[in-house]
Amino acid sequence: MKRMGMLFRAKANKALDRAEDPRETLDYSYQKQLELLQKVRRGVADVATSRKRLELQLNQLQGQSSKLEDQGRKALALGREDLAREALSRRAALQQQVTDLETQHTTLQGEE
């Protein structure tokens, strides 16, 4: 019984091999390669877009950080330590965000 099953499978595989056109197989493989290439290109474009968006956010946060530092200095010059502390506290929170975004930016650069 086992031998009959093996014989049947061998004959079926041989028939399928004859029916298979190598050109069709190559065309199919080529089409799949093109689809994969398109997906890779889309992925690279998405990564580049995300990286650019992060760069814009970084620039904005760094500008806000500088502004808060200036406000803190001015508050100290006017003798308003409470305002200076508040400005520096906000700046510290922004600096943490900047650090996090820089880490993400570095990761995205590595993916490109």
N, C-alpha and C. Protein backbone atom coordinates (compact mmCIF):
# COMPACT_ATOMS: atom_id res chain seq x y z
N MET A 1 0.82 -1.18 0.00
CA MET A 1 0.00 0.00 0.00
C MET A 1 0.88 1.26 0.00
N LYS A 2 1.93 1.25 0.83
CA LYS A 2 2.84 2.39 0.87
C LYS A 2 3.49 2.60 -0.48
N ARG A 3 3.86 1.49 -1.06
CA ARG A 3 4.55 1.56 -2.35
C ARG A 3 3.63 2.15 -3.42
N MET A 4 2.36 1.83 -3.37
CA MET A 4 1.39 2.38 -4.32
C MET A 4 1.27 3.90 -4.13
N GLY A 5 1.26 4.33 -2.88
CA GLY A 5 1.17 5.76 -2.59
C GLY A 5 2.40 6.50 -3.10
N MET A 6 3.58 5.92 -2.87
CA MET A 6 4.82 6.55 -3.34
C MET A 6 4.85 6.61 -4.85
N LEU A 7 4.40 5.53 -5.50
CA LEU A 7 4.37 5.48 -6.95
C LEU A 7 3.41 6.53 -7.50
N PHE A 8 2.25 6.64 -6.87
CA PHE A 8 1.27 7.64 -7.30
C PHE A 8 1.82 9.06 -7.15
N ARG A 9 2.46 9.36 -6.03
CA ARG A 9 3.04 10.70 -5.81
C ARG A 9 4.13 10.99 -6.81
N ALA A 10 4.96 10.00 -7.10
CA ALA A 10 6.04 10.19 -8.07
C ALA A 10 5.48 10.50 -9.45
N LYS A 11 4.45 9.76 -9.85
CA LYS A 11 3.82 10.00 -11.15
C LYS A 11 3.15 11.37 -11.19
N ALA A 12 2.50 11.74 -10.11
CA ALA A 12 1.82 13.04 -10.06
C ALA A 12 2.84 14.17 -10.14
N ASN A 13 3.94 14.06 -9.43
CA ASN A 13 4.99 15.09 -9.47
C ASN A 13 5.59 15.20 -10.86
N LYS A 14 5.79 14.05 -11.51
CA LYS A 14 6.36 14.05 -12.85
C LYS A 14 5.41 14.73 -13.83
N ALA A 15 4.11 14.47 -13.70
CA ALA A 15 3.12 15.10 -14.56
C ALA A 15 3.08 16.61 -14.32
N LEU A 16 3.17 17.03 -13.07
CA LEU A 16 3.18 18.46 -12.76
C LEU A 16 4.43 19.14 -13.30
N ASP A 17 5.56 18.46 -13.22
CA ASP A 17 6.80 19.03 -13.74
C ASP A 17 6.70 19.27 -15.23
N ARG A 18 6.07 18.35 -15.95
CA ARG A 18 5.91 18.53 -17.40
C ARG A 18 4.95 19.67 -17.71
N ALA A 19 3.92 19.81 -16.91
CA ALA A 19 2.91 20.84 -17.17
C ALA A 19 3.42 22.23 -16.83
N GLU A 20 4.41 22.34 -15.98
CA GLU A 20 4.94 23.63 -15.54
C GLU A 20 5.83 24.24 -16.61
N ASP A 21 5.52 25.47 -17.01
CA ASP A 21 6.30 26.18 -18.02
C ASP A 21 7.36 27.02 -17.30
N PRO A 22 8.64 26.82 -17.60
CA PRO A 22 9.69 27.59 -16.93
C PRO A 22 9.55 29.09 -17.15
N ARG A 23 9.07 29.49 -18.32
CA ARG A 23 8.90 30.93 -18.58
C ARG A 23 7.85 31.53 -17.66
N GLU A 24 6.77 30.78 -17.45
CA GLU A 24 5.73 31.28 -16.54
C GLU A 24 6.27 31.38 -15.12
N THR A 25 7.05 30.42 -14.73
CA THR A 25 7.65 30.44 -13.39
C THR A 25 8.57 31.65 -13.24
N LEU A 26 9.39 31.90 -14.25
CA LEU A 26 10.28 33.07 -14.21
C LEU A 26 9.50 34.37 -14.20
N ASP A 27 8.45 34.45 -15.03
CA ASP A 27 7.62 35.66 -15.06
C ASP A 27 6.97 35.91 -13.70
N TYR A 28 6.49 34.84 -13.10
CA TYR A 28 5.87 34.96 -11.78
C TYR A 28 6.89 35.43 -10.74
N SER A 29 8.06 34.84 -10.76
CA SER A 29 9.12 35.23 -9.82
C SER A 29 9.53 36.68 -10.03
N TYR A 30 9.63 37.09 -11.29
CA TYR A 30 10.00 38.47 -11.61
C TYR A 30 8.94 39.44 -11.10
N GLN A 31 7.68 39.09 -11.28
CA GLN A 31 6.58 39.94 -10.81
C GLN A 31 6.63 40.08 -9.29
N LYS A 32 6.89 38.99 -8.60
CA LYS A 32 6.99 39.04 -7.14
C LYS A 32 8.16 39.91 -6.70
N GLN A 33 9.27 39.83 -7.42
CA GLN A 33 10.44 40.66 -7.11
C GLN A 33 10.10 42.14 -7.27
N LEU A 34 9.37 42.47 -8.34
CA LEU A 34 8.97 43.86 -8.57
C LEU A 34 8.05 44.36 -7.45
N GLU A 35 7.14 43.51 -7.01
CA GLU A 35 6.24 43.89 -5.92
C GLU A 35 7.04 44.13 -4.63
N LEU A 36 8.00 43.28 -4.35
CA LEU A 36 8.84 43.46 -3.16
C LEU A 36 9.66 44.74 -3.25
N LEU A 37 10.19 45.02 -4.43
CA LEU A 37 10.95 46.25 -4.64
C LEU A 37 10.09 47.48 -4.38
N GLN A 38 8.85 47.44 -4.86
CA GLN A 38 7.93 48.56 -4.64
C GLN A 38 7.66 48.75 -3.15
N LYS A 39 7.48 47.65 -2.42
CA LYS A 39 7.26 47.74 -0.98
C LYS A 39 8.47 48.33 -0.27
N VAL A 40 9.65 47.93 -0.69
CA VAL A 40 10.88 48.45 -0.08
C VAL A 40 10.99 49.95 -0.34
N ARG A 41 10.71 50.35 -1.57
CA ARG A 41 10.77 51.79 -1.90
C ARG A 41 9.79 52.58 -1.06
N ARG A 42 8.58 52.05 -0.89
CA ARG A 42 7.58 52.73 -0.07
C ARG A 42 8.06 52.82 1.38
N GLY A 43 8.66 51.75 1.86
CA GLY A 43 9.18 51.74 3.23
C GLY A 43 10.28 52.76 3.43
N VAL A 44 11.18 52.87 2.46
CA VAL A 44 12.27 53.85 2.55
C VAL A 44 11.70 55.26 2.54
N ALA A 45 10.70 55.50 1.69
CA ALA A 45 10.08 56.83 1.63
C ALA A 45 9.40 57.16 2.96
N ASP A 46 8.74 56.17 3.56
CA ASP A 46 8.09 56.39 4.85
C ASP A 46 9.11 56.73 5.94
N VAL A 47 10.23 56.03 5.93
CA VAL A 47 11.28 56.29 6.92
C VAL A 47 11.85 57.69 6.72
N ALA A 48 12.09 58.08 5.47
CA ALA A 48 12.64 59.41 5.19
C ALA A 48 11.66 60.50 5.63
N THR A 49 10.38 60.28 5.39
CA THR A 49 9.36 61.25 5.81
C THR A 49 9.32 61.37 7.33
N SER A 50 9.37 60.25 8.00
CA SER A 50 9.36 60.27 9.47
C SER A 50 10.60 60.97 10.02
N ARG A 51 11.74 60.72 9.39
CA ARG A 51 12.98 61.36 9.83
C ARG A 51 12.88 62.87 9.66
N LYS A 52 12.35 63.32 8.54
CA LYS A 52 12.22 64.76 8.28
C LYS A 52 11.26 65.39 9.29
N ARG A 53 10.17 64.70 9.59
CA ARG A 53 9.20 65.21 10.56
C ARG A 53 9.86 65.34 11.94
N LEU A 54 10.68 64.36 12.31
CA LEU A 54 11.39 64.43 13.58
C LEU A 54 12.37 65.60 13.61
N GLU A 55 13.05 65.83 12.49
CA GLU A 55 13.98 66.96 12.42
C GLU A 55 13.26 68.28 12.64
N LEU A 56 12.08 68.43 12.05
CA LEU A 56 11.30 69.65 12.24
C LEU A 56 10.87 69.81 13.70
N GLN A 57 10.43 68.72 14.31
CA GLN A 57 10.04 68.77 15.72
C GLN A 57 11.24 69.11 16.61
N LEU A 58 12.39 68.53 16.29
CA LEU A 58 13.60 68.83 17.06
C LEU A 58 13.95 70.30 16.99
N ASN A 59 13.92 70.86 15.79
CA ASN A 59 14.23 72.28 15.63
C ASN A 59 13.26 73.15 16.41
N GLN A 60 11.99 72.79 16.37
CA GLN A 60 10.98 73.56 17.09
C GLN A 60 11.22 73.48 18.61
N LEU A 61 11.48 72.29 19.11
CA LEU A 61 11.72 72.14 20.55
C LEU A 61 13.00 72.84 21.00
N GLN A 62 14.03 72.79 20.17
CA GLN A 62 15.27 73.47 20.53
C GLN A 62 15.07 74.98 20.55
N GLY A 63 14.26 75.49 19.63
CA GLY A 63 13.94 76.92 19.65
C GLY A 63 13.18 77.31 20.90
N GLN A 64 12.22 76.48 21.28
CA GLN A 64 11.46 76.75 22.51
C GLN A 64 12.36 76.67 23.74
N SER A 65 13.29 75.74 23.72
CA SER A 65 14.22 75.59 24.84
C SER A 65 15.09 76.84 24.99
N SER A 66 15.59 77.34 23.88
CA SER A 66 16.40 78.57 23.92
C SER A 66 15.58 79.75 24.42
N LYS A 67 14.35 79.82 23.97
CA LYS A 67 13.47 80.91 24.40
C LYS A 67 13.22 80.85 25.91
N LEU A 68 13.00 79.64 26.43
CA LEU A 68 12.79 79.49 27.88
C LEU A 68 14.05 79.84 28.66
N GLU A 69 15.21 79.50 28.12
CA GLU A 69 16.46 79.86 28.79
C GLU A 69 16.61 81.38 28.86
N ASP A 70 16.30 82.05 27.75
CA ASP A 70 16.36 83.52 27.74
C ASP A 70 15.38 84.12 28.74
N GLN A 71 14.18 83.55 28.79
CA GLN A 71 13.18 84.06 29.73
C GLN A 71 13.65 83.87 31.18
N GLY A 72 14.29 82.75 31.44
CA GLY A 72 14.82 82.50 32.79
C GLY A 72 15.89 83.50 33.16
N ARG A 73 16.78 83.80 32.22
CA ARG A 73 17.84 84.78 32.48
C ARG A 73 17.26 86.17 32.74
N LYS A 74 16.27 86.54 31.93
CA LYS A 74 15.63 87.85 32.11
C LYS A 74 14.91 87.93 33.45
N ALA A 75 14.24 86.82 33.82
CA ALA A 75 13.54 86.80 35.10
C ALA A 75 14.53 86.95 36.26
N LEU A 76 15.70 86.31 36.15
CA LEU A 76 16.71 86.46 37.19
C LEU A 76 17.23 87.89 37.24
N ALA A 77 17.41 88.49 36.07
CA ALA A 77 17.90 89.87 36.02
C ALA A 77 16.91 90.82 36.68
N LEU A 78 15.62 90.47 36.60
CA LEU A 78 14.59 91.31 37.21
C LEU A 78 14.32 90.94 38.67
N GLY A 79 15.06 89.92 39.16
CA GLY A 79 14.90 89.52 40.55
C GLY A 79 13.72 88.59 40.78
N ARG A 80 13.21 87.98 39.74
CA ARG A 80 12.05 87.08 39.85
C ARG A 80 12.52 85.62 39.79
N GLU A 81 13.02 85.14 40.90
CA GLU A 81 13.53 83.77 40.95
C GLU A 81 12.44 82.75 40.69
N ASP A 82 11.22 83.04 41.13
CA ASP A 82 10.12 82.10 40.92
C ASP A 82 9.86 81.88 39.43
N LEU A 83 9.89 82.97 38.65
CA LEU A 83 9.69 82.84 37.21
C LEU A 83 10.88 82.15 36.55
N ALA A 84 12.07 82.44 37.05
CA ALA A 84 13.27 81.81 36.49
C ALA A 84 13.23 80.30 36.73
N ARG A 85 12.82 79.90 37.95
CA ARG A 85 12.71 78.47 38.23
C ARG A 85 11.68 77.79 37.33
N GLU A 86 10.56 78.45 37.13
CA GLU A 86 9.50 77.90 36.26
C GLU A 86 10.01 77.73 34.83
N ALA A 87 10.71 78.74 34.33
CA ALA A 87 11.25 78.67 32.96
C ALA A 87 12.27 77.53 32.85
N LEU A 88 13.14 77.41 33.84
CA LEU A 88 14.13 76.34 33.80
C LEU A 88 13.50 74.95 33.95
N SER A 89 12.43 74.87 34.72
CA SER A 89 11.72 73.60 34.88
C SER A 89 11.10 73.18 33.55
N ARG A 90 10.48 74.13 32.88
CA ARG A 90 9.89 73.83 31.56
C ARG A 90 10.97 73.47 30.55
N ARG A 91 12.09 74.17 30.65
CA ARG A 91 13.20 73.89 29.72
C ARG A 91 13.74 72.48 29.95
N ALA A 92 13.82 72.05 31.19
CA ALA A 92 14.31 70.70 31.49
C ALA A 92 13.38 69.64 30.88
N ALA A 93 12.07 69.89 30.95
CA ALA A 93 11.11 68.95 30.35
C ALA A 93 11.29 68.91 28.83
N LEU A 94 11.51 70.09 28.24
CA LEU A 94 11.73 70.14 26.78
C LEU A 94 13.02 69.43 26.40
N GLN A 95 14.04 69.59 27.21
CA GLN A 95 15.32 68.93 26.91
C GLN A 95 15.17 67.41 26.93
N GLN A 96 14.33 66.89 27.81
CA GLN A 96 14.08 65.44 27.84
C GLN A 96 13.40 65.01 26.54
N GLN A 97 12.45 65.82 26.08
CA GLN A 97 11.78 65.51 24.80
C GLN A 97 12.78 65.55 23.65
N VAL A 98 13.68 66.54 23.68
CA VAL A 98 14.70 66.66 22.64
C VAL A 98 15.58 65.41 22.63
N THR A 99 15.98 64.96 23.81
CA THR A 99 16.81 63.76 23.91
C THR A 99 16.09 62.54 23.33
N ASP A 100 14.81 62.40 23.66
CA ASP A 100 14.03 61.27 23.14
C ASP A 100 13.92 61.34 21.61
N LEU A 101 13.66 62.53 21.08
CA LEU A 101 13.54 62.69 19.63
C LEU A 101 14.87 62.45 18.93
N GLU A 102 15.96 62.86 19.56
CA GLU A 102 17.27 62.61 18.95
C GLU A 102 17.56 61.12 18.87
N THR A 103 17.13 60.37 19.88
CA THR A 103 17.30 58.92 19.85
C THR A 103 16.49 58.31 18.71
N GLN A 104 15.25 58.75 18.57
CA GLN A 104 14.40 58.27 17.48
C GLN A 104 15.00 58.63 16.13
N HIS A 105 15.54 59.84 16.03
CA HIS A 105 16.14 60.31 14.78
C HIS A 105 17.32 59.43 14.39
N THR A 106 18.15 59.12 15.37
CA THR A 106 19.31 58.26 15.12
C THR A 106 18.86 56.88 14.65
N THR A 107 17.82 56.36 15.27
CA THR A 107 17.28 55.05 14.87
C THR A 107 16.78 55.09 13.43
N LEU A 108 16.06 56.15 13.07
CA LEU A 108 15.54 56.26 11.71
C LEU A 108 16.66 56.41 10.69
N GLN A 109 17.72 57.12 11.05
CA GLN A 109 18.84 57.25 10.13
C GLN A 109 19.48 55.89 9.87
N GLY A 110 19.51 55.07 10.88
CA GLY A 110 20.06 53.72 10.71
C GLY A 110 19.19 52.84 9.83
N GLU A 111 17.90 53.12 9.78
CA GLU A 111 16.98 52.32 8.96
C GLU A 111 17.00 52.72 7.49
N GLU A 112 17.53 53.90 7.19
CA GLU A 112 17.53 54.35 5.79
C GLU A 112 18.58 53.67 4.98
